[in-house]
Amino acid sequence: MTLPVRDQLKYWGIAMAIFAVVLWFLGDVLLPFVIGSAIAYFIDPVADRLERLGLSRVAATAVITIFALLLAVLLGLLVIPTLISQSIDLINIMPQLFQDLQTFVITHFPSLLVEGSSAREALNTIGAAIKERGPQLIESVLGSALSFLNIVVLLVVVPVVSVYMLLDWDRMIARIDFLLPREHAPTIRRLAGEIDETLAAFIRGMGTVSLILGTYYAIALMMVGLNFGLVVGVVAGLVTFIPYLGALIGGSLAIGLAMFQFWGDWASIGLVAGVFVLGQVVEGNFLTPKLVGDSIGLHPVWLLLALSVFGALFGFIGMLVAVPVSAALGVLARFAVDQYLQSRLYSGESGQDAQ
């Protein structure tokens, strides 16, 4: 006998509540496993491609792991120390930058910063806050990044989880498919396929776009001679997954730093601006259409709302699960709308009329 819809909704509601409670209380514990699973999901197509070329799953996982280790060593030796050094220097120099900004405005626009004006008070407040809290920010970031637990998580737990998840990914998916309720298995498979397509376009596609653009911005800005170019490139790349936000934040930061560094050298400032213009042209006309597609099913406003809500409720672990959960909710919402449009509630037909 088919389980009544009311009972089905009750059981699924209980499952969702348990998931939220576990996420709330075990967020920090689950963090390495969520990151490891995300990494495995991201590179699973590479393993599948290697399998189609004739390698076994074990051999494909071994090849990917060796390549990842070599890349990690390369980044650890060449990029990460420079990135940390530039980040510390940027935070330390921020008070001086604001003081230079105030001097510049006083020299060229004296009427804006008369004694007691709101603009002068705002600049003084911002400069004092940065000078006061900059060292605290450095200490907290370094203290967190260099803690023993985080080192273990980053260097041991996450890679191990990623390797095992990648190795068993297909078998795990097959087992989950076996456990699906038989009555709803076809519908769940279809919805799961749509969710996977959305996530594949967003996480894999936008992740690749962010990596390419971040690398390009960092290298190009350092070649132009911009101080802190590596930091600006990494920041721009990290927020590229939110459309237009990466270019806005990264471009504003880069051009602002360029104006302080190259004031009067308009050619250098123009080169910095040109780096971001070229990046946006390449992204909009080549990278995003080729790697992501025309539609990923995740509106930027919906994504920002999900990141804000899950981040506020569950912290950093919430922000990690916000993207897949928002993608799933988007697919389920479209499914619910389709069901509503096919229902008698929408058409207004009675049961007798339908017969």
Protein backbone atom coordinates (compact mmCIF):
# COMPACT_ATOMS: atom_id res chain seq x y z
CA MET A 1 0.00 0.00 0.00
CA THR A 2 1.30 3.44 -0.94
CA LEU A 3 2.39 5.60 1.99
CA PRO A 4 0.06 8.62 2.34
CA VAL A 5 1.42 11.95 1.16
CA ARG A 6 1.01 13.44 4.64
CA ASP A 7 3.21 10.73 6.15
CA GLN A 8 5.79 11.13 3.39
CA LEU A 9 6.00 14.88 4.03
CA LYS A 10 6.32 14.22 7.75
CA TYR A 11 9.23 11.82 7.32
CA TRP A 12 11.05 14.06 4.83
CA GLY A 13 10.51 17.03 7.16
CA ILE A 14 12.01 15.07 10.05
CA ALA A 15 15.01 14.17 7.88
CA MET A 16 15.58 17.83 6.95
CA ALA A 17 15.29 18.88 10.61
CA ILE A 18 17.87 16.26 11.63
CA PHE A 19 20.19 17.50 8.87
CA ALA A 20 19.88 21.10 10.11
CA VAL A 21 20.51 20.09 13.74
CA VAL A 22 23.59 18.03 12.81
CA LEU A 23 24.90 20.92 10.73
CA TRP A 24 24.31 23.32 13.63
CA PHE A 25 26.09 21.28 16.31
CA LEU A 26 28.76 19.49 14.27
CA GLY A 27 29.66 22.20 11.75
CA ASP A 28 33.32 22.46 12.77
CA VAL A 29 33.71 18.69 12.86
CA LEU A 30 32.08 18.24 9.45
CA LEU A 31 34.14 21.00 7.81
CA PRO A 32 37.02 18.82 6.50
CA PHE A 33 34.56 16.21 5.23
CA VAL A 34 32.48 18.82 3.40
CA ILE A 35 35.62 20.32 1.84
CA GLY A 36 36.93 16.87 0.93
CA SER A 37 33.62 15.88 -0.65
CA ALA A 38 33.49 19.14 -2.61
CA ILE A 39 37.01 18.53 -3.94
CA ALA A 40 36.09 14.97 -4.92
CA TYR A 41 32.93 16.19 -6.68
CA PHE A 42 34.93 18.86 -8.49
CA ILE A 43 37.52 16.45 -9.94
CA ASP A 44 35.31 13.37 -10.41
CA PRO A 45 34.89 14.14 -14.16
CA VAL A 46 38.69 14.03 -14.52
CA ALA A 47 38.76 10.57 -12.95
CA ASP A 48 35.92 9.45 -15.23
CA ARG A 49 37.82 10.75 -18.26
CA LEU A 50 40.95 8.82 -17.21
CA GLU A 51 38.84 5.69 -16.77
CA ARG A 52 37.50 6.06 -20.31
CA LEU A 53 41.12 6.25 -21.47
CA GLY A 54 41.74 2.79 -20.01
CA LEU A 55 42.87 3.40 -16.42
CA SER A 56 41.23 1.73 -13.45
CA ARG A 57 39.56 3.85 -10.80
CA VAL A 58 42.48 3.23 -8.45
CA ALA A 59 45.03 4.22 -11.08
CA ALA A 60 43.03 7.32 -12.05
CA THR A 61 42.81 8.38 -8.41
CA ALA A 62 46.56 7.79 -7.97
CA VAL A 63 47.41 9.94 -11.01
CA ILE A 64 45.19 12.78 -9.78
CA THR A 65 46.60 12.53 -6.25
CA ILE A 66 50.23 12.68 -7.44
CA PHE A 67 49.47 15.68 -9.64
CA ALA A 68 47.66 17.42 -6.75
CA LEU A 69 50.61 16.79 -4.41
CA LEU A 70 53.07 18.26 -6.92
CA LEU A 71 50.82 21.28 -7.41
CA ALA A 72 50.47 21.75 -3.63
CA VAL A 73 54.26 21.62 -3.16
CA LEU A 74 54.72 24.14 -5.97
CA LEU A 75 52.14 26.51 -4.47
CA GLY A 76 53.59 26.06 -1.00
CA LEU A 77 57.07 26.97 -2.16
CA LEU A 78 56.34 29.76 -4.65
CA VAL A 79 52.91 31.33 -4.12
CA ILE A 80 51.62 30.96 -0.57
CA PRO A 81 54.58 32.64 1.23
CA THR A 82 54.38 35.62 -1.15
CA LEU A 83 50.60 35.80 -0.74
CA ILE A 84 50.84 35.83 3.06
CA SER A 85 53.64 38.42 2.99
CA GLN A 86 51.73 40.73 0.64
CA SER A 87 48.53 40.38 2.68
CA ILE A 88 50.34 41.36 5.89
CA ASP A 89 52.06 44.29 4.17
CA LEU A 90 48.75 45.48 2.68
CA ILE A 91 47.03 45.45 6.07
CA ASN A 92 49.98 47.25 7.67
CA ILE A 93 50.11 49.93 5.00
CA MET A 94 46.35 50.64 4.99
CA PRO A 95 46.57 53.44 7.62
CA GLN A 96 49.27 55.14 5.55
CA LEU A 97 47.15 54.80 2.41
CA PHE A 98 44.24 56.52 4.10
CA GLN A 99 46.54 59.27 5.36
CA ASP A 100 47.85 59.74 1.82
CA LEU A 101 44.27 59.85 0.57
CA GLN A 102 43.43 62.55 3.08
CA THR A 103 46.52 64.55 2.07
CA PHE A 104 45.61 64.17 -1.61
CA VAL A 105 42.04 65.35 -1.07
CA ILE A 106 43.19 68.29 1.06
CA THR A 107 45.67 69.33 -1.65
CA HIS A 108 43.34 69.04 -4.62
CA PHE A 109 39.89 69.46 -3.06
CA PRO A 110 40.40 71.57 0.10
CA SER A 111 36.75 72.55 0.36
CA LEU A 112 35.74 68.92 1.03
CA LEU A 113 37.86 68.48 4.15
CA VAL A 114 37.47 71.71 6.10
CA GLU A 115 37.91 71.37 9.84
CA GLY A 116 34.87 69.63 11.34
CA SER A 117 33.38 68.44 8.02
CA SER A 118 31.69 65.06 7.85
CA ALA A 119 34.10 63.85 5.15
CA ARG A 120 37.14 64.65 7.31
CA GLU A 121 35.60 62.96 10.33
CA ALA A 122 34.78 59.86 8.26
CA LEU A 123 38.34 59.55 6.93
CA ASN A 124 39.79 60.03 10.42
CA THR A 125 37.48 57.38 11.83
CA ILE A 126 38.28 54.85 9.09
CA GLY A 127 42.01 55.45 9.42
CA ALA A 128 41.92 55.09 13.21
CA ALA A 129 39.88 51.90 12.97
CA ILE A 130 42.29 50.34 10.49
CA LYS A 131 45.31 51.37 12.52
CA GLU A 132 43.76 49.94 15.68
CA ARG A 133 42.28 46.73 14.31
CA GLY A 134 44.80 45.91 11.57
CA PRO A 135 47.29 44.18 13.91
CA GLN A 136 44.41 42.36 15.61
CA LEU A 137 43.21 41.10 12.24
CA ILE A 138 46.69 39.86 11.36
CA GLU A 139 47.07 38.09 14.70
CA SER A 140 43.64 36.45 14.47
CA VAL A 141 44.11 35.32 10.86
CA LEU A 142 47.61 33.98 11.47
CA GLY A 143 46.57 32.45 14.76
CA SER A 144 43.73 30.63 13.06
CA ALA A 145 45.71 29.66 9.98
CA LEU A 146 48.71 28.42 11.97
CA SER A 147 46.83 26.56 14.70
CA PHE A 148 47.72 22.92 15.00
CA LEU A 149 44.17 21.73 14.40
CA ASN A 150 43.81 23.68 11.15
CA ILE A 151 47.19 22.46 9.92
CA VAL A 152 46.08 18.88 10.54
CA VAL A 153 42.76 19.52 8.79
CA LEU A 154 44.30 21.19 5.75
CA LEU A 155 47.32 18.95 5.30
CA VAL A 156 46.01 15.56 6.41
CA VAL A 157 42.27 15.16 6.87
CA VAL A 158 41.00 17.01 3.79
CA PRO A 159 43.35 15.28 1.30
CA VAL A 160 42.63 11.86 2.82
CA VAL A 161 38.87 12.45 2.67
CA SER A 162 39.17 13.72 -0.90
CA VAL A 163 41.13 10.65 -2.05
CA TYR A 164 38.72 8.17 -0.46
CA MET A 165 35.64 10.02 -1.68
CA LEU A 166 37.06 10.19 -5.21
CA LEU A 167 37.96 6.50 -5.13
CA ASP A 168 34.50 5.39 -3.96
CA TRP A 169 32.42 8.11 -5.64
CA ASP A 170 30.69 5.93 -8.26
CA ARG A 171 30.02 3.10 -5.81
CA MET A 172 28.64 5.58 -3.28
CA ILE A 173 26.27 7.08 -5.86
CA ALA A 174 25.13 3.58 -6.88
CA ARG A 175 24.46 2.69 -3.23
CA ILE A 176 22.44 5.86 -2.68
CA ASP A 177 20.43 5.06 -5.81
CA PHE A 178 19.73 1.58 -4.42
CA LEU A 179 18.38 3.09 -1.18
CA LEU A 180 15.94 5.44 -2.91
CA PRO A 181 12.24 4.80 -2.21
CA ARG A 182 11.13 2.71 -5.18
CA GLU A 183 7.88 4.58 -5.78
CA HIS A 184 9.65 7.93 -6.21
CA ALA A 185 13.01 6.72 -7.55
CA PRO A 186 12.46 7.90 -11.17
CA THR A 187 11.39 11.38 -10.04
CA ILE A 188 14.24 11.65 -7.54
CA ARG A 189 16.74 10.56 -10.19
CA ARG A 190 15.44 13.19 -12.60
CA LEU A 191 15.58 15.93 -9.96
CA ALA A 192 19.02 14.78 -8.82
CA GLY A 193 20.21 14.93 -12.43
CA GLU A 194 18.96 18.51 -12.77
CA ILE A 195 20.64 19.46 -9.48
CA ASP A 196 23.88 17.84 -10.64
CA GLU A 197 23.74 19.77 -13.92
CA THR A 198 23.26 23.03 -12.03
CA LEU A 199 26.07 22.27 -9.60
CA ALA A 200 28.35 21.03 -12.36
CA ALA A 201 27.83 24.26 -14.28
CA PHE A 202 28.29 26.41 -11.21
CA ILE A 203 30.90 24.70 -9.03
CA ARG A 204 32.99 23.12 -11.76
CA GLY A 205 32.38 25.76 -14.40
CA MET A 206 32.58 28.88 -12.25
CA GLY A 207 35.33 27.32 -10.14
CA THR A 208 37.44 26.86 -13.26
CA VAL A 209 36.62 30.39 -14.44
CA SER A 210 37.58 31.80 -11.03
CA LEU A 211 40.87 29.88 -11.05
CA ILE A 212 41.77 31.05 -14.56
CA LEU A 213 40.81 34.68 -13.93
CA GLY A 214 42.49 34.81 -10.53
CA THR A 215 45.71 33.47 -12.01
CA TYR A 216 45.50 35.89 -14.92
CA TYR A 217 44.80 38.92 -12.71
CA ALA A 218 47.62 38.06 -10.30
CA ILE A 219 50.23 37.49 -13.02
CA ALA A 220 49.14 40.47 -15.15
CA LEU A 221 49.04 42.91 -12.22
CA MET A 222 52.48 41.80 -11.02
CA MET A 223 53.84 42.20 -14.56
CA VAL A 224 52.41 45.74 -14.68
CA GLY A 225 54.29 46.41 -11.44
CA LEU A 226 51.36 46.92 -9.08
CA ASN A 227 52.24 46.38 -5.45
CA PHE A 228 50.09 43.66 -3.83
CA GLY A 229 49.10 42.41 -7.31
CA LEU A 230 49.04 38.80 -6.11
CA VAL A 231 46.61 39.60 -3.30
CA VAL A 232 44.34 41.60 -5.59
CA GLY A 233 44.33 38.79 -8.17
CA VAL A 234 43.47 36.15 -5.56
CA VAL A 235 40.66 38.29 -4.12
CA ALA A 236 39.24 39.00 -7.59
CA GLY A 237 39.40 35.32 -8.47
CA LEU A 238 37.74 34.15 -5.26
CA VAL A 239 34.68 36.38 -5.69
CA THR A 240 34.33 35.86 -9.44
CA PHE A 241 31.81 33.07 -8.78
CA ILE A 242 29.31 35.85 -7.99
CA PRO A 243 28.74 37.53 -11.39
CA TYR A 244 30.18 41.05 -11.71
CA LEU A 245 31.27 41.14 -8.05
CA GLY A 246 34.79 39.87 -8.74
CA ALA A 247 35.48 42.53 -11.35
CA LEU A 248 33.89 45.24 -9.19
CA ILE A 249 35.81 44.43 -6.01
CA GLY A 250 39.07 43.45 -7.67
CA GLY A 251 38.98 46.32 -10.16
CA SER A 252 38.17 48.92 -7.50
CA LEU A 253 40.94 47.64 -5.22
CA ALA A 254 43.50 47.44 -8.03
CA ILE A 255 42.73 50.84 -9.53
CA GLY A 256 42.68 52.44 -6.07
CA LEU A 257 46.10 51.00 -5.26
CA ALA A 258 47.37 51.98 -8.71
CA MET A 259 46.28 55.60 -8.21
CA PHE A 260 48.28 55.76 -4.98
CA GLN A 261 51.30 54.04 -6.48
CA PHE A 262 51.31 55.54 -10.00
CA TRP A 263 49.63 58.94 -9.49
CA GLY A 264 50.59 61.06 -12.48
CA ASP A 265 51.68 58.00 -14.48
CA TRP A 266 48.40 57.62 -16.32
CA ALA A 267 49.78 54.94 -18.63
CA SER A 268 50.41 52.56 -15.70
CA ILE A 269 46.98 53.30 -14.21
CA GLY A 270 45.45 52.66 -17.62
CA LEU A 271 47.31 49.33 -17.86
CA VAL A 272 45.87 48.23 -14.50
CA ALA A 273 42.37 49.16 -15.64
CA GLY A 274 43.00 47.45 -18.98
CA VAL A 275 43.91 44.21 -17.19
CA PHE A 276 40.40 44.03 -15.71
CA VAL A 277 38.68 45.17 -18.89
CA LEU A 278 40.45 42.42 -20.86
CA GLY A 279 39.61 39.90 -18.14
CA GLN A 280 35.92 40.77 -18.30
CA VAL A 281 35.89 40.59 -22.11
CA VAL A 282 37.51 37.15 -22.08
CA GLU A 283 35.22 35.94 -19.29
CA GLY A 284 32.00 37.17 -20.87
CA ASN A 285 32.75 36.08 -24.43
CA PHE A 286 34.76 32.90 -23.98
CA LEU A 287 35.26 31.46 -20.48
CA THR A 288 31.73 31.63 -19.10
CA PRO A 289 29.94 30.52 -22.32
CA LYS A 290 32.37 27.62 -22.84
CA LEU A 291 32.82 26.42 -19.25
CA VAL A 292 29.54 27.37 -17.61
CA GLY A 293 26.93 27.72 -20.33
CA ASP A 294 24.18 30.21 -20.93
CA SER A 295 22.18 29.35 -17.82
CA ILE A 296 23.27 27.81 -14.54
CA GLY A 297 19.92 28.10 -12.78
CA LEU A 298 21.32 30.12 -9.89
CA HIS A 299 20.39 33.79 -9.91
CA PRO A 300 23.08 35.98 -8.30
CA VAL A 301 20.55 37.49 -5.84
CA TRP A 302 19.37 34.01 -4.84
CA LEU A 303 22.97 32.92 -4.36
CA LEU A 304 23.85 35.96 -2.23
CA LEU A 305 20.74 35.37 -0.10
CA ALA A 306 21.66 31.71 0.41
CA LEU A 307 25.26 32.57 1.33
CA SER A 308 24.09 35.23 3.80
CA VAL A 309 21.44 33.08 5.47
CA PHE A 310 23.49 29.89 5.73
CA GLY A 311 26.58 31.82 6.78
CA ALA A 312 24.64 33.56 9.56
CA LEU A 313 23.02 30.33 10.76
CA PHE A 314 25.85 27.80 10.43
CA GLY A 315 29.04 29.84 10.01
CA PHE A 316 31.70 28.91 7.48
CA ILE A 317 30.36 25.38 7.03
CA GLY A 318 27.01 26.94 6.15
CA MET A 319 28.59 29.01 3.41
CA LEU A 320 30.13 25.85 1.94
CA VAL A 321 26.81 24.02 1.76
CA ALA A 322 24.87 27.12 0.69
CA VAL A 323 25.60 26.63 -3.02
CA PRO A 324 24.48 22.96 -3.31
CA VAL A 325 21.48 23.54 -1.03
CA SER A 326 20.40 26.65 -2.97
CA ALA A 327 20.79 24.74 -6.25
CA ALA A 328 18.68 21.90 -4.88
CA LEU A 329 16.02 24.29 -3.59
CA GLY A 330 15.94 26.05 -6.96
CA VAL A 331 15.35 22.75 -8.80
CA LEU A 332 12.71 21.67 -6.25
CA ALA A 333 10.98 25.04 -6.54
CA ARG A 334 10.78 24.71 -10.34
CA PHE A 335 9.47 21.15 -9.92
CA ALA A 336 6.82 22.37 -7.46
CA VAL A 337 5.73 25.10 -9.89
CA ASP A 338 5.43 22.55 -12.71
CA GLN A 339 3.34 20.28 -10.50
CA TYR A 340 1.12 23.21 -9.56
CA LEU A 341 0.61 24.20 -13.22
CA GLN A 342 -0.53 20.64 -13.98
CA SER A 343 -2.85 20.43 -10.98
CA ARG A 344 -6.59 21.06 -10.71
CA LEU A 345 -5.80 23.80 -8.20
CA TYR A 346 -4.31 25.84 -11.07
CA SER A 347 -6.75 24.85 -13.83
CA GLY A 348 -9.83 25.18 -11.62
CA GLU A 349 -11.26 21.90 -12.93
CA SER A 350 -13.15 19.63 -10.60
CA GLY A 351 -12.64 15.93 -10.50
CA GLN A 352 -15.88 15.30 -12.42
CA ASP A 353 -14.97 17.86 -15.11
CA ALA A 354 -11.56 16.21 -15.57
CA GLN A 355 -13.36 12.89 -16.23
